[in-house]
Amino acid sequence: MYERSHLKVLTDRINEPRRFIQVLMGPRQVGKTTVVTQLLQKLNINTHFVSADYVLISDSFWLEQQWEIARLKIKTSFRKEFLLVIDEIQKVTNWSEKVKLLWVYF
């Protein structure tokens, strides 16, 4: 498979000490999901990958559920690192405000 050019940049950012939420943005159909999939295959980190593509109700409750699933996976994991990836998050209404709140209380 063709390795996306942004994979190294994204890998470097994920390997930095955690201080910030990482957001990958770009136009449609440029390979954002592909590069994230390649990243997850390359890293040795526990993850929870979900897509908001098929969420029927675009409210923040679904987002809270995914965050809680990630928390539970972290607790059962023996590793310190964990990555929650939410593809197509822009389809969730007010996602950025909700993520900020969830991040603060994490």
N, C-alpha and C. Protein backbone atom coordinates (compact mmCIF):
# COMPACT_ATOMS: atom_id res chain seq x y z
N MET A 1 0.84 -1.18 0.00
CA MET A 1 0.00 0.00 0.00
C MET A 1 0.88 1.25 0.00
N TYR A 2 0.47 2.24 -0.71
CA TYR A 2 1.17 3.51 -0.78
C TYR A 2 1.13 4.18 0.59
N GLU A 3 2.30 4.57 1.10
CA GLU A 3 2.37 5.24 2.40
C GLU A 3 2.22 6.75 2.18
N ARG A 4 1.25 7.32 2.85
CA ARG A 4 0.97 8.74 2.71
C ARG A 4 2.13 9.58 3.22
N SER A 5 2.39 10.71 2.56
CA SER A 5 3.53 11.56 2.91
C SER A 5 3.38 12.19 4.30
N HIS A 6 2.18 12.37 4.75
CA HIS A 6 1.96 13.00 6.06
C HIS A 6 2.08 12.01 7.21
N LEU A 7 2.30 10.75 6.91
CA LEU A 7 2.38 9.73 7.96
C LEU A 7 3.51 10.03 8.95
N LYS A 8 4.67 10.43 8.47
CA LYS A 8 5.79 10.72 9.37
C LYS A 8 5.47 11.89 10.30
N VAL A 9 4.88 12.93 9.76
CA VAL A 9 4.52 14.10 10.58
C VAL A 9 3.52 13.70 11.65
N LEU A 10 2.51 12.95 11.26
CA LEU A 10 1.49 12.51 12.20
C LEU A 10 2.08 11.56 13.26
N THR A 11 2.96 10.67 12.84
CA THR A 11 3.62 9.76 13.78
C THR A 11 4.45 10.55 14.79
N ASP A 12 5.19 11.52 14.32
CA ASP A 12 5.99 12.36 15.22
C ASP A 12 5.11 13.10 16.23
N ARG A 13 3.98 13.62 15.77
CA ARG A 13 3.07 14.34 16.66
C ARG A 13 2.48 13.42 17.72
N ILE A 14 2.11 12.23 17.32
CA ILE A 14 1.52 11.28 18.27
C ILE A 14 2.57 10.82 19.29
N ASN A 15 3.82 10.76 18.88
CA ASN A 15 4.88 10.32 19.79
C ASN A 15 5.36 11.41 20.74
N GLU A 16 4.90 12.64 20.56
CA GLU A 16 5.24 13.73 21.48
C GLU A 16 4.55 13.50 22.81
N PRO A 17 5.09 14.08 23.89
CA PRO A 17 4.37 13.99 25.18
C PRO A 17 2.96 14.57 25.04
N ARG A 18 2.01 13.93 25.68
CA ARG A 18 0.61 14.35 25.56
C ARG A 18 0.36 15.67 26.28
N ARG A 19 -0.05 16.65 25.49
CA ARG A 19 -0.49 17.92 26.05
C ARG A 19 -1.69 18.45 25.30
N PHE A 20 -1.84 18.00 24.06
CA PHE A 20 -2.87 18.57 23.21
C PHE A 20 -3.69 17.47 22.54
N ILE A 21 -4.87 17.84 22.14
CA ILE A 21 -5.70 17.00 21.29
C ILE A 21 -5.21 17.21 19.86
N GLN A 22 -5.06 16.15 19.12
CA GLN A 22 -4.62 16.26 17.74
C GLN A 22 -5.85 16.18 16.83
N VAL A 23 -5.95 17.11 15.91
CA VAL A 23 -7.05 17.13 14.95
C VAL A 23 -6.44 17.08 13.55
N LEU A 24 -6.87 16.12 12.78
CA LEU A 24 -6.42 15.98 11.40
C LEU A 24 -7.54 16.48 10.50
N MET A 25 -7.28 17.57 9.78
CA MET A 25 -8.30 18.17 8.93
C MET A 25 -7.80 18.26 7.50
N GLY A 26 -8.74 18.29 6.58
CA GLY A 26 -8.38 18.47 5.19
C GLY A 26 -9.59 18.28 4.31
N PRO A 27 -9.46 18.57 3.03
CA PRO A 27 -10.57 18.40 2.10
C PRO A 27 -10.99 16.93 2.00
N ARG A 28 -12.17 16.73 1.46
CA ARG A 28 -12.67 15.36 1.27
C ARG A 28 -11.80 14.58 0.30
N GLN A 29 -11.70 13.29 0.57
CA GLN A 29 -11.08 12.34 -0.36
C GLN A 29 -9.58 12.59 -0.60
N VAL A 30 -8.87 13.09 0.41
CA VAL A 30 -7.42 13.28 0.23
C VAL A 30 -6.60 12.23 0.98
N GLY A 31 -7.26 11.34 1.74
CA GLY A 31 -6.55 10.26 2.39
C GLY A 31 -6.38 10.39 3.89
N LYS A 32 -7.21 11.19 4.54
CA LYS A 32 -7.08 11.36 5.99
C LYS A 32 -7.31 10.06 6.73
N THR A 33 -8.35 9.35 6.40
CA THR A 33 -8.64 8.06 7.06
C THR A 33 -7.55 7.06 6.72
N THR A 34 -7.07 7.07 5.51
CA THR A 34 -6.00 6.15 5.11
C THR A 34 -4.75 6.38 5.94
N VAL A 35 -4.35 7.64 6.09
CA VAL A 35 -3.12 7.93 6.84
C VAL A 35 -3.29 7.57 8.32
N VAL A 36 -4.48 7.76 8.85
CA VAL A 36 -4.72 7.38 10.25
C VAL A 36 -4.68 5.86 10.40
N THR A 37 -5.24 5.15 9.46
CA THR A 37 -5.19 3.68 9.47
C THR A 37 -3.74 3.20 9.39
N GLN A 38 -2.96 3.82 8.55
CA GLN A 38 -1.54 3.48 8.44
C GLN A 38 -0.81 3.77 9.75
N LEU A 39 -1.16 4.88 10.37
CA LEU A 39 -0.55 5.24 11.66
C LEU A 39 -0.85 4.19 12.71
N LEU A 40 -2.10 3.77 12.80
CA LEU A 40 -2.50 2.80 13.82
C LEU A 40 -1.81 1.46 13.60
N GLN A 41 -1.58 1.11 12.36
CA GLN A 41 -0.87 -0.14 12.06
C GLN A 41 0.61 -0.04 12.43
N LYS A 42 1.16 1.14 12.33
CA LYS A 42 2.58 1.36 12.57
C LYS A 42 2.91 1.46 14.07
N LEU A 43 2.01 2.06 14.85
CA LEU A 43 2.27 2.29 16.26
C LEU A 43 1.95 1.07 17.10
N ASN A 44 2.58 1.00 18.24
CA ASN A 44 2.32 -0.07 19.19
C ASN A 44 1.56 0.53 20.37
N ILE A 45 0.38 1.07 20.08
CA ILE A 45 -0.44 1.76 21.08
C ILE A 45 -1.84 1.16 21.04
N ASN A 46 -2.44 0.97 22.20
CA ASN A 46 -3.84 0.54 22.25
C ASN A 46 -4.71 1.68 21.74
N THR A 47 -5.76 1.31 21.00
CA THR A 47 -6.60 2.34 20.37
C THR A 47 -8.08 1.99 20.47
N HIS A 48 -8.87 3.01 20.26
CA HIS A 48 -10.31 2.85 20.03
C HIS A 48 -10.61 3.72 18.81
N PHE A 49 -10.89 3.08 17.69
CA PHE A 49 -11.18 3.77 16.44
C PHE A 49 -12.65 3.64 16.12
N VAL A 50 -13.33 4.77 15.96
CA VAL A 50 -14.74 4.78 15.59
C VAL A 50 -14.98 5.83 14.52
N SER A 51 -16.08 5.69 13.84
CA SER A 51 -16.45 6.66 12.82
C SER A 51 -17.85 7.19 13.10
N ALA A 52 -18.00 8.48 13.01
CA ALA A 52 -19.31 9.11 13.18
C ALA A 52 -20.10 9.11 11.88
N ASP A 53 -19.59 8.43 10.87
CA ASP A 53 -20.26 8.35 9.58
C ASP A 53 -21.68 7.82 9.68
N TYR A 54 -21.87 6.84 10.53
CA TYR A 54 -23.17 6.16 10.57
C TYR A 54 -23.93 6.40 11.86
N VAL A 55 -23.59 7.47 12.56
CA VAL A 55 -24.32 7.82 13.78
C VAL A 55 -25.67 8.40 13.36
N LEU A 56 -26.72 7.80 13.86
CA LEU A 56 -28.06 8.24 13.46
C LEU A 56 -28.44 9.58 14.07
N ILE A 57 -28.07 9.76 15.32
CA ILE A 57 -28.37 11.02 16.00
C ILE A 57 -27.05 11.75 16.19
N SER A 58 -26.95 12.93 15.64
CA SER A 58 -25.67 13.65 15.69
C SER A 58 -25.55 14.51 16.94
N ASP A 59 -25.91 13.93 18.10
CA ASP A 59 -25.74 14.68 19.33
C ASP A 59 -24.47 14.25 20.04
N SER A 60 -24.19 14.88 21.13
CA SER A 60 -22.93 14.62 21.81
C SER A 60 -22.98 13.38 22.71
N PHE A 61 -24.14 12.78 22.90
CA PHE A 61 -24.24 11.58 23.73
C PHE A 61 -23.40 10.44 23.15
N TRP A 62 -23.45 10.28 21.85
CA TRP A 62 -22.64 9.24 21.20
C TRP A 62 -21.15 9.49 21.47
N LEU A 63 -20.76 10.76 21.40
CA LEU A 63 -19.37 11.12 21.65
C LEU A 63 -18.98 10.78 23.09
N GLU A 64 -19.85 11.06 24.03
CA GLU A 64 -19.59 10.71 25.43
C GLU A 64 -19.43 9.19 25.59
N GLN A 65 -20.26 8.44 24.89
CA GLN A 65 -20.16 6.98 24.96
C GLN A 65 -18.81 6.49 24.45
N GLN A 66 -18.35 7.04 23.36
CA GLN A 66 -17.06 6.63 22.80
C GLN A 66 -15.92 6.99 23.75
N TRP A 67 -16.03 8.14 24.36
CA TRP A 67 -15.02 8.58 25.32
C TRP A 67 -14.98 7.62 26.51
N GLU A 68 -16.15 7.21 26.97
CA GLU A 68 -16.22 6.28 28.11
C GLU A 68 -15.67 4.91 27.73
N ILE A 69 -15.96 4.44 26.53
CA ILE A 69 -15.40 3.17 26.06
C ILE A 69 -13.87 3.26 26.07
N ALA A 70 -13.35 4.37 25.61
CA ALA A 70 -11.89 4.56 25.61
C ALA A 70 -11.35 4.54 27.04
N ARG A 71 -12.04 5.18 27.96
CA ARG A 71 -11.61 5.18 29.37
C ARG A 71 -11.57 3.76 29.92
N LEU A 72 -12.60 2.98 29.61
CA LEU A 72 -12.64 1.60 30.10
C LEU A 72 -11.51 0.77 29.49
N LYS A 73 -11.23 0.98 28.22
CA LYS A 73 -10.14 0.26 27.58
C LYS A 73 -8.79 0.64 28.19
N ILE A 74 -8.63 1.91 28.54
CA ILE A 74 -7.39 2.36 29.17
C ILE A 74 -7.20 1.65 30.51
N LYS A 75 -8.28 1.56 31.28
CA LYS A 75 -8.20 0.93 32.60
C LYS A 75 -7.83 -0.54 32.52
N THR A 76 -8.29 -1.22 31.48
CA THR A 76 -7.99 -2.65 31.36
C THR A 76 -6.69 -2.92 30.62
N SER A 77 -6.09 -1.87 30.12
CA SER A 77 -4.84 -2.01 29.37
C SER A 77 -3.66 -1.97 30.33
N PHE A 78 -2.61 -2.66 29.97
CA PHE A 78 -1.40 -2.65 30.77
C PHE A 78 -0.40 -1.61 30.26
N ARG A 79 -0.78 -0.93 29.23
CA ARG A 79 0.10 0.08 28.65
C ARG A 79 -0.34 1.47 29.09
N LYS A 80 0.62 2.35 29.07
CA LYS A 80 0.36 3.73 29.48
C LYS A 80 -0.28 4.55 28.36
N GLU A 81 0.07 4.24 27.13
CA GLU A 81 -0.39 5.02 25.98
C GLU A 81 -1.70 4.48 25.44
N PHE A 82 -2.55 5.39 24.98
CA PHE A 82 -3.83 5.02 24.38
C PHE A 82 -4.21 6.11 23.40
N LEU A 83 -4.83 5.70 22.31
CA LEU A 83 -5.22 6.65 21.28
C LEU A 83 -6.70 6.45 20.93
N LEU A 84 -7.48 7.50 21.11
CA LEU A 84 -8.88 7.50 20.70
C LEU A 84 -8.95 8.25 19.37
N VAL A 85 -9.45 7.57 18.35
CA VAL A 85 -9.56 8.17 17.02
C VAL A 85 -11.04 8.19 16.64
N ILE A 86 -11.52 9.38 16.32
CA ILE A 86 -12.92 9.54 15.93
C ILE A 86 -12.93 10.12 14.51
N ASP A 87 -13.21 9.26 13.57
CA ASP A 87 -13.26 9.65 12.16
C ASP A 87 -14.60 10.31 11.89
N GLU A 88 -14.59 11.31 11.03
CA GLU A 88 -15.81 12.04 10.63
C GLU A 88 -16.51 12.70 11.82
N ILE A 89 -15.73 13.16 12.79
CA ILE A 89 -16.30 13.77 14.00
C ILE A 89 -17.11 15.03 13.69
N GLN A 90 -16.82 15.67 12.58
CA GLN A 90 -17.55 16.89 12.23
C GLN A 90 -19.04 16.65 12.06
N LYS A 91 -19.44 15.39 11.94
CA LYS A 91 -20.86 15.07 11.79
C LYS A 91 -21.61 15.09 13.12
N VAL A 92 -20.88 15.22 14.21
CA VAL A 92 -21.48 15.32 15.55
C VAL A 92 -21.65 16.80 15.87
N THR A 93 -22.87 17.19 16.17
CA THR A 93 -23.17 18.59 16.48
C THR A 93 -22.37 19.06 17.68
N ASN A 94 -21.77 20.23 17.56
CA ASN A 94 -20.99 20.86 18.64
C ASN A 94 -19.89 19.95 19.18
N TRP A 95 -19.26 19.19 18.30
CA TRP A 95 -18.25 18.23 18.74
C TRP A 95 -17.08 18.89 19.46
N SER A 96 -16.65 20.05 18.99
CA SER A 96 -15.45 20.65 19.59
C SER A 96 -15.69 21.09 21.03
N GLU A 97 -16.86 21.63 21.31
CA GLU A 97 -17.17 22.03 22.68
C GLU A 97 -17.24 20.81 23.59
N LYS A 98 -17.84 19.74 23.10
CA LYS A 98 -17.97 18.52 23.90
C LYS A 98 -16.61 17.89 24.16
N VAL A 99 -15.77 17.83 23.15
CA VAL A 99 -14.44 17.25 23.31
C VAL A 99 -13.63 18.06 24.32
N LYS A 100 -13.74 19.37 24.27
CA LYS A 100 -13.02 20.21 25.24
C LYS A 100 -13.46 19.87 26.66
N LEU A 101 -14.74 19.72 26.87
CA LEU A 101 -15.24 19.36 28.21
C LEU A 101 -14.77 17.97 28.64
N LEU A 102 -14.84 17.02 27.75
CA LEU A 102 -14.41 15.67 28.07
C LEU A 102 -12.91 15.62 28.34
N TRP A 103 -12.13 16.39 27.61
CA TRP A 103 -10.68 16.43 27.80
C TRP A 103 -10.33 16.98 29.18
N VAL A 104 -11.02 18.04 29.60
CA VAL A 104 -10.76 18.66 30.89
C VAL A 104 -11.02 17.67 32.03
N TYR A 105 -12.07 16.87 31.90
CA TYR A 105 -12.46 15.96 32.98
C TYR A 105 -11.85 14.57 32.82
N PHE A 106 -10.94 14.42 31.88
CA PHE A 106 -10.29 13.13 31.67
C PHE A 106 -9.18 13.02 32.67
